[in-house]
N, C-alpha and C. Protein backbone atom coordinates (compact mmCIF):
# COMPACT_ATOMS: atom_id res chain seq x y z
N UNK A 1 89.62 -83.92 -93.68
CA UNK A 1 90.20 -85.20 -92.42
C UNK A 1 89.90 -83.77 -91.16
N UNK A 2 90.10 -84.22 -90.33
CA UNK A 2 90.13 -83.70 -89.00
C UNK A 2 91.14 -83.59 -88.55
N UNK A 3 92.50 -82.97 -87.39
CA UNK A 3 92.98 -83.27 -87.26
C UNK A 3 93.06 -82.40 -85.46
N UNK A 4 93.72 -82.91 -84.21
CA UNK A 4 93.25 -82.20 -83.29
C UNK A 4 94.71 -81.64 -82.88
N UNK A 5 94.23 -80.47 -82.54
CA UNK A 5 95.12 -79.15 -82.14
C UNK A 5 95.34 -78.70 -80.96
N UNK A 6 96.51 -79.31 -79.76
CA UNK A 6 96.63 -78.29 -78.60
C UNK A 6 97.10 -77.25 -78.87
N UNK A 7 95.75 -76.28 -77.82
CA UNK A 7 96.16 -74.57 -77.34
C UNK A 7 96.18 -74.19 -76.26
N UNK A 8 97.11 -73.45 -75.24
CA UNK A 8 97.14 -73.16 -74.34
C UNK A 8 96.55 -71.56 -74.28
N UNK A 9 95.33 -72.32 -73.23
CA UNK A 9 94.79 -70.18 -73.58
C UNK A 9 94.10 -70.40 -71.70
N UNK A 10 94.21 -69.03 -71.11
CA UNK A 10 93.69 -68.57 -70.44
C UNK A 10 92.33 -68.51 -70.01
N UNK A 11 92.43 -69.33 -68.65
CA UNK A 11 90.58 -70.02 -68.44
C UNK A 11 89.91 -69.60 -68.44
N UNK A 12 90.07 -67.82 -68.30
CA UNK A 12 88.61 -67.29 -68.08
C UNK A 12 88.56 -66.60 -69.51
N UNK A 13 89.32 -66.86 -70.37
CA UNK A 13 89.05 -66.73 -71.97
C UNK A 13 88.17 -68.31 -72.54
N UNK A 14 88.37 -69.45 -71.85
CA UNK A 14 87.99 -70.25 -72.48
C UNK A 14 86.57 -70.72 -71.63
N UNK A 15 86.08 -69.51 -70.68
CA UNK A 15 85.20 -69.94 -69.62
C UNK A 15 84.19 -68.90 -70.94
N UNK A 16 84.62 -67.71 -71.13
CA UNK A 16 84.33 -66.71 -71.87
C UNK A 16 83.40 -67.44 -72.83
N UNK A 17 84.70 -68.10 -73.68
CA UNK A 17 84.21 -68.38 -75.31
C UNK A 17 83.18 -70.07 -75.08
N UNK A 18 83.63 -70.27 -74.21
CA UNK A 18 82.05 -71.55 -74.09
C UNK A 18 80.58 -71.26 -73.96
N UNK A 19 80.95 -69.88 -73.40
CA UNK A 19 79.81 -69.37 -72.97
C UNK A 19 79.53 -68.79 -74.58
N UNK A 20 80.29 -68.07 -75.28
CA UNK A 20 79.73 -67.75 -76.86
C UNK A 20 79.56 -68.62 -77.30
N UNK A 21 79.67 -69.85 -77.06
CA UNK A 21 79.86 -70.99 -78.49
C UNK A 21 78.38 -70.89 -77.95
N UNK A 22 78.38 -70.93 -76.75
CA UNK A 22 76.37 -71.98 -76.40
C UNK A 22 75.65 -70.91 -77.26
N UNK A 23 76.10 -69.67 -76.45
CA UNK A 23 74.90 -68.80 -77.16
C UNK A 23 74.75 -68.57 -79.09
N UNK A 24 75.57 -69.60 -79.57
CA UNK A 24 75.18 -69.29 -80.96
C UNK A 24 75.89 -70.59 -81.64
N UNK A 25 75.15 -71.61 -80.43
CA UNK A 25 75.34 -72.72 -81.20
C UNK A 25 76.26 -73.49 -82.49
N UNK A 26 77.05 -73.11 -81.75
CA UNK A 26 78.81 -73.42 -81.84
C UNK A 26 79.52 -74.45 -81.03
N UNK A 27 81.19 -74.01 -81.02
CA UNK A 27 81.71 -74.59 -80.75
C UNK A 27 83.16 -74.13 -80.19
N UNK A 28 83.84 -74.51 -79.18
CA UNK A 28 85.26 -73.65 -79.57
C UNK A 28 85.67 -73.57 -80.70
N UNK A 29 86.02 -75.31 -81.31
CA UNK A 29 86.35 -75.28 -82.06
C UNK A 29 85.95 -75.30 -83.30
N UNK A 30 84.75 -75.18 -83.71
CA UNK A 30 84.45 -74.27 -85.50
C UNK A 30 84.45 -72.64 -84.70
N UNK A 31 84.87 -71.93 -84.00
CA UNK A 31 84.95 -70.48 -83.59
C UNK A 31 86.51 -70.38 -84.46
N UNK A 32 87.21 -71.48 -83.45
CA UNK A 32 89.17 -70.91 -83.78
C UNK A 32 88.92 -71.77 -85.80
N UNK A 33 88.41 -72.64 -85.68
CA UNK A 33 88.50 -72.77 -87.21
C UNK A 33 87.69 -71.86 -88.24
N UNK A 34 87.16 -71.57 -88.10
CA UNK A 34 86.89 -69.93 -88.34
C UNK A 34 87.66 -68.79 -88.48
N UNK A 35 88.33 -69.03 -87.51
CA UNK A 35 89.03 -67.29 -87.24
C UNK A 35 90.95 -67.83 -88.01
N UNK A 36 91.06 -68.79 -88.30
CA UNK A 36 92.04 -69.18 -88.82
C UNK A 36 91.14 -68.86 -90.46
N UNK A 37 90.79 -69.83 -90.81
CA UNK A 37 90.02 -70.18 -92.31
C UNK A 37 90.26 -68.52 -92.76
N UNK A 38 89.59 -66.76 -91.69
CA UNK A 38 89.54 -66.29 -92.04
C UNK A 38 90.91 -65.53 -92.19
N UNK A 39 91.65 -65.45 -91.52
CA UNK A 39 93.28 -65.64 -91.57
C UNK A 39 93.61 -65.39 -92.32
N UNK A 40 93.36 -66.72 -93.22
CA UNK A 40 94.28 -67.47 -94.24
C UNK A 40 93.73 -66.56 -95.28
N UNK A 41 91.99 -65.89 -95.40
CA UNK A 41 91.49 -65.61 -96.37
C UNK A 41 91.90 -63.72 -96.56
N UNK A 42 92.07 -63.36 -95.38
CA UNK A 42 93.03 -61.37 -95.04
C UNK A 42 94.01 -61.63 -95.58
N UNK A 43 94.98 -62.80 -95.67
CA UNK A 43 95.45 -62.85 -96.17
C UNK A 43 96.27 -62.97 -97.51
N UNK A 44 95.21 -63.67 -97.74
CA UNK A 44 95.15 -64.26 -99.43
C UNK A 44 94.81 -62.74 -100.41
N UNK A 45 93.81 -62.32 -99.80
CA UNK A 45 93.21 -61.09 -100.38
C UNK A 45 94.10 -59.89 -100.36
N UNK A 46 95.29 -59.75 -99.23
CA UNK A 46 96.41 -58.57 -99.26
C UNK A 46 97.19 -59.15 -100.75
N UNK A 47 97.29 -60.08 -100.55
CA UNK A 47 98.94 -60.90 -101.95
C UNK A 47 97.35 -60.58 -102.94
N UNK A 48 96.81 -60.09 -103.39
CA UNK A 48 96.61 -60.42 -104.65
C UNK A 48 96.49 -58.43 -105.16
N UNK A 49 97.21 -57.78 -104.90
CA UNK A 49 97.15 -56.77 -105.31
C UNK A 49 97.47 -56.64 -106.64
N UNK A 50 96.66 -56.34 -107.65
CA UNK A 50 97.19 -55.91 -108.81
C UNK A 50 99.09 -55.54 -109.53
N UNK A 51 99.29 -55.51 -110.32
CA UNK A 51 100.41 -55.36 -110.71
C UNK A 51 100.32 -53.23 -110.77
N UNK A 52 99.87 -53.19 -111.37
CA UNK A 52 99.35 -51.87 -111.35
C UNK A 52 99.90 -50.64 -109.82
N UNK A 53 99.29 -51.38 -109.32
CA UNK A 53 99.20 -51.29 -107.99
C UNK A 53 100.41 -51.19 -106.90
N UNK A 54 101.03 -52.03 -106.97
CA UNK A 54 101.83 -52.47 -107.10
C UNK A 54 103.21 -51.76 -107.56
N UNK A 55 103.30 -51.27 -108.87
CA UNK A 55 104.14 -50.86 -109.13
C UNK A 55 104.13 -48.98 -108.92
N UNK A 56 102.30 -48.53 -108.65
CA UNK A 56 102.49 -47.36 -108.28
C UNK A 56 103.09 -47.27 -106.66
N UNK A 57 102.50 -48.22 -105.44
CA UNK A 57 102.76 -48.09 -104.42
C UNK A 57 104.40 -47.39 -104.17
N UNK A 58 104.82 -46.80 -103.05
CA UNK A 58 106.11 -46.07 -102.70
C UNK A 58 106.11 -45.10 -103.96
N UNK A 59 105.80 -44.42 -105.07
CA UNK A 59 106.13 -43.38 -106.33
C UNK A 59 106.39 -42.32 -105.47
N UNK A 60 106.21 -42.19 -104.68
CA UNK A 60 106.53 -40.69 -104.09
C UNK A 60 106.43 -40.90 -102.47
N UNK A 61 107.82 -40.81 -102.87
CA UNK A 61 108.23 -41.13 -101.08
C UNK A 61 108.13 -40.02 -100.13
N UNK A 62 107.57 -40.55 -98.92
CA UNK A 62 107.77 -39.36 -98.00
C UNK A 62 108.65 -39.17 -97.25
N UNK A 63 108.50 -37.63 -96.93
CA UNK A 63 110.09 -37.26 -96.40
C UNK A 63 109.92 -37.35 -95.04
N UNK A 64 110.90 -36.83 -93.93
CA UNK A 64 110.79 -36.54 -92.44
C UNK A 64 110.20 -35.15 -92.33
N UNK A 65 110.12 -34.25 -93.02
CA UNK A 65 109.67 -33.41 -92.63
C UNK A 65 108.04 -33.36 -92.78
N UNK A 66 107.94 -34.11 -93.51
CA UNK A 66 105.82 -34.23 -93.82
C UNK A 66 106.01 -35.00 -93.17
N UNK A 67 106.45 -35.92 -92.18
CA UNK A 67 106.06 -36.82 -91.04
C UNK A 67 106.00 -35.37 -90.43
N UNK A 68 107.16 -35.12 -90.01
CA UNK A 68 107.02 -33.56 -88.83
C UNK A 68 105.43 -32.67 -88.52
N UNK A 69 105.34 -32.37 -90.07
CA UNK A 69 104.17 -30.95 -90.47
C UNK A 69 103.03 -31.69 -89.96
N UNK A 70 103.39 -33.07 -89.95
CA UNK A 70 101.25 -34.24 -90.22
C UNK A 70 101.06 -34.22 -88.89
N UNK A 71 102.21 -34.41 -87.86
CA UNK A 71 102.57 -34.42 -86.33
C UNK A 71 101.90 -33.25 -85.61
N UNK A 72 102.57 -32.07 -86.17
CA UNK A 72 102.67 -30.78 -86.12
C UNK A 72 100.82 -30.24 -85.73
N UNK A 73 100.53 -30.92 -87.13
CA UNK A 73 99.05 -30.89 -87.08
C UNK A 73 98.13 -30.98 -86.42
N UNK A 74 98.56 -32.35 -86.79
CA UNK A 74 97.87 -32.70 -85.55
C UNK A 74 97.73 -33.09 -83.57
N UNK A 75 99.37 -32.78 -83.53
CA UNK A 75 99.25 -31.72 -82.14
C UNK A 75 98.49 -30.62 -81.45
N UNK A 76 98.48 -30.29 -82.90
CA UNK A 76 97.39 -28.29 -82.70
C UNK A 76 96.07 -28.71 -82.63
N UNK A 77 95.46 -29.52 -83.89
CA UNK A 77 94.76 -29.78 -83.45
C UNK A 77 93.78 -30.52 -82.53
N UNK A 78 94.61 -31.09 -81.77
CA UNK A 78 93.92 -31.67 -80.06
C UNK A 78 94.20 -30.90 -79.27
N UNK A 79 95.16 -30.41 -79.32
CA UNK A 79 95.35 -29.22 -77.79
C UNK A 79 93.91 -29.06 -77.29
């Protein structure tokens, strides 16, 4: 069942999206709906982490000196 939703979006964005939707034989409503569906799908995929991976996550704690060493490495690399 479809329902209405009111959004406040900058008028220049709306104009651009109307053009994009027209070029892609779509509507702004379907673009927004697909965007929301993708967000929901992405969040569900992240939540489906195997128990083994969850158990191993964070098993090796990073120390401040590890972060400092990495920052030093990056600074030297990109000087």
